[in-house]
Amino acid sequence: QLQLKESGGGLVQPGGSLRLSCATSGFTLAHYAIGWFRQAPGKEREAVSCSTHTSDGRTYYGDSVKGRFTISRDDAKNMVYLQMNSLKPEDTGVYYCNVRFNGVDYWGKGTLVTVSS
């Protein structure tokens, strides 16, 4: 059974950092692209970052997070990470991990990030 489970969210002051984790199971992580999305209150879910399958090795970032966020993966541990630095209040939202497996999008339940003083 494919599962994604996010963790690492919390309350942080503007300018601070957080590292989100996504624990994956039920598929071979190295063979798939995996992404982070977020949804702010009252807004639609948006793409934050994506890591292509390991043999391809590319990463993508939304314009609003370029230079501040870094996606990484540890295929041996079935983990994906999102290092978030220089956080801003507009980064507040629920962060989700996503993988498209056999044409179906799978999502975790999300982890809440709140950037506030």
Protein backbone atom coordinates (compact mmCIF):
# COMPACT_ATOMS: atom_id res chain seq x y z
CA GLN A 1 0.00 0.00 0.00
CA LEU A 2 1.49 3.32 -1.07
CA GLN A 3 1.77 5.85 1.74
CA LEU A 4 3.23 9.28 2.23
CA LYS A 5 3.62 10.85 5.65
CA GLU A 6 4.83 14.39 6.21
CA SER A 7 6.38 15.74 9.39
CA GLY A 8 8.49 18.61 10.63
CA GLY A 9 6.06 21.49 10.47
CA GLY A 10 5.58 24.00 13.24
CA LEU A 11 5.65 27.63 14.25
CA VAL A 12 8.70 29.62 13.22
CA GLN A 13 9.56 33.31 13.18
CA PRO A 14 10.16 35.16 9.92
CA GLY A 15 13.70 34.55 8.75
CA GLY A 16 13.84 31.17 10.46
CA SER A 17 14.27 27.68 9.05
CA LEU A 18 12.46 24.35 9.10
CA ARG A 19 13.14 20.99 7.53
CA LEU A 20 10.14 18.98 6.43
CA SER A 21 10.32 15.23 5.97
CA CYS A 22 8.19 12.89 3.88
CA ALA A 23 8.35 9.20 4.73
CA THR A 24 7.37 7.06 1.76
CA SER A 25 6.39 3.40 1.48
CA GLY A 26 4.81 1.03 -1.00
CA PHE A 27 6.88 2.00 -4.03
CA THR A 28 10.52 2.33 -5.08
CA LEU A 29 11.26 5.97 -4.43
CA ALA A 30 14.30 6.11 -6.70
CA HIS A 31 12.13 5.39 -9.75
CA TYR A 32 9.69 8.28 -9.29
CA ALA A 33 9.52 12.02 -9.29
CA ILE A 34 8.24 13.36 -6.02
CA GLY A 35 7.06 16.82 -5.11
CA TRP A 36 6.14 19.20 -2.35
CA PHE A 37 2.99 21.29 -2.56
CA ARG A 38 1.45 23.76 -0.14
CA GLN A 39 -1.93 25.24 0.52
CA ALA A 40 -2.35 28.53 2.32
CA PRO A 41 -5.60 29.41 4.07
CA GLY A 42 -8.22 30.40 1.51
CA LYS A 43 -5.96 29.64 -1.43
CA GLU A 44 -5.51 26.80 -3.89
CA ARG A 45 -2.79 24.21 -3.52
CA GLU A 46 0.41 25.23 -5.30
CA ALA A 47 3.57 23.43 -6.32
CA VAL A 48 6.63 24.25 -4.24
CA SER A 49 9.33 21.89 -5.45
CA CYS A 50 9.88 18.67 -7.33
CA SER A 51 12.65 16.11 -7.59
CA THR A 52 12.72 13.90 -10.66
CA HIS A 53 13.59 10.21 -10.41
CA THR A 54 17.09 9.62 -9.16
CA SER A 55 18.69 8.61 -12.47
CA ASP A 56 17.49 11.90 -13.96
CA GLY A 57 18.44 13.97 -10.94
CA ARG A 58 16.76 17.28 -11.69
CA THR A 59 15.02 19.58 -9.26
CA TYR A 60 12.46 22.32 -9.78
CA TYR A 61 11.30 25.16 -7.57
CA GLY A 62 8.45 27.60 -7.61
CA ASP A 63 9.49 31.19 -8.23
CA SER A 64 8.48 32.23 -4.73
CA VAL A 65 10.85 29.75 -3.04
CA LYS A 66 13.85 29.70 -5.37
CA GLY A 67 17.07 30.30 -3.49
CA ARG A 68 15.42 29.64 -0.12
CA PHE A 69 14.12 26.05 -0.29
CA THR A 70 16.03 22.88 -1.15
CA ILE A 71 14.52 19.50 -1.93
CA SER A 72 16.52 16.34 -1.33
CA ARG A 73 15.91 12.63 -1.18
CA ASP A 74 17.42 9.60 0.50
CA ASP A 75 16.25 6.64 -1.55
CA ALA A 76 17.84 4.12 0.81
CA LYS A 77 15.71 5.46 3.65
CA ASN A 78 12.64 6.13 1.49
CA MET A 79 12.68 9.75 2.64
CA VAL A 80 12.24 13.09 0.93
CA TYR A 81 13.12 16.38 2.58
CA LEU A 82 12.39 20.05 2.09
CA GLN A 83 14.84 22.41 3.73
CA MET A 84 13.20 25.81 4.10
CA ASN A 85 15.33 28.83 4.95
CA SER A 86 14.61 32.55 5.23
CA LEU A 87 10.97 31.80 5.85
CA LYS A 88 8.38 34.47 5.23
CA PRO A 89 4.82 34.85 6.54
CA GLU A 90 3.56 34.06 3.04
CA ASP A 91 5.15 30.60 3.33
CA THR A 92 2.48 29.73 5.89
CA GLY A 93 0.33 26.79 4.91
CA VAL A 94 -0.12 23.05 4.95
CA TYR A 95 2.69 21.30 3.10
CA TYR A 96 1.99 18.07 1.26
CA CYS A 97 4.15 15.41 -0.29
CA ASN A 98 3.00 14.03 -3.67
CA VAL A 99 3.88 11.20 -6.00
CA ARG A 100 2.17 10.15 -9.23
CA PHE A 101 2.15 6.36 -9.33
CA ASN A 102 0.61 4.49 -12.27
CA GLY A 103 -1.17 7.66 -13.31
CA VAL A 104 -2.71 8.27 -9.89
CA ASP A 105 -1.72 11.16 -7.61
CA TYR A 106 -1.04 10.16 -4.02
CA TRP A 107 -0.89 12.68 -1.18
CA GLY A 108 0.04 12.63 2.44
CA LYS A 109 -2.11 14.29 5.09
CA GLY A 110 0.17 17.29 5.26
CA THR A 111 2.11 19.17 7.91
CA LEU A 112 1.30 22.72 9.00
CA VAL A 113 3.92 25.44 8.74
CA THR A 114 3.18 28.77 10.39
CA VAL A 115 5.56 31.68 9.91
CA SER A 116 4.72 34.41 12.36
CA SER A 117 6.30 36.67 14.92
